[in-house]
Amino acid sequence: MDLLDLNRQSLDLNLELMAGLDESHLDLATPCAGWTVYELLRHQVETTLSFAAAITRTAVAEPASDDMPTAYRAAADAATEAFRADGVLERDAEFPGYGRRPGRDLVAAHFVDGLVHSWDLRRAIGVDSALDPELATAAFRMARRYPTTPDVRGPGAAFALPVPVPDDAPITDRLVGLLGRSPRWPA
């Protein structure tokens, strides 16, 4: 599947989940240490806006609304438009926090981030957290290339240190474990 389509599918998964949220969900804990559902949604909006701005080489836009699902929809559409512009995947852009990288790397990182955060949101609100195997496999292959350096993994980094998961575990568990989440959260 095309990288741009993978990214859009992860955005759509999150939009679908967010559409079912109500006020009672916003204060629930998530697998992201110290974040509530509301803080996870805010992070997703801000990250999506940051990636779109990096690709378009513009200032990061403010969220379109204080309502996070509405703001995320606007950010998702802006990112999709920016990512689909001619030549974006080959052109270098400033990867937020990591220097200049090919646009392909930014879109891939945004896809992995969005997909794993859909798992976080699913776990927080108590719905089936198994990810689509095709999406999870693609994200796993991309995330395996992430370095294990202090700026990428560990305290204060983008991801926690990997959590051991058996090689024969479902692909969702291997993906989230690779990115520092316990597949059994909140156990």
Foldseek 3Di string as FASTA:
>chain_A
DDLLVLQLVLLVLVLVLLVPDDPVQQQFDWLPPPHGNVRLLVVLLQLLQVLLCQLVVHDRDDQPDPSSSNSSVVSSVSSSVSLPPPPQQQDWTQQVPPGIDRSVLSSLVSSLVSNVSSLRSCVRVVHDSDDDLVSLVSNQVSLVPDDPDPQDEPPPHPAHDAADDDPPDRSSQNSVNNRHGHPPPPD
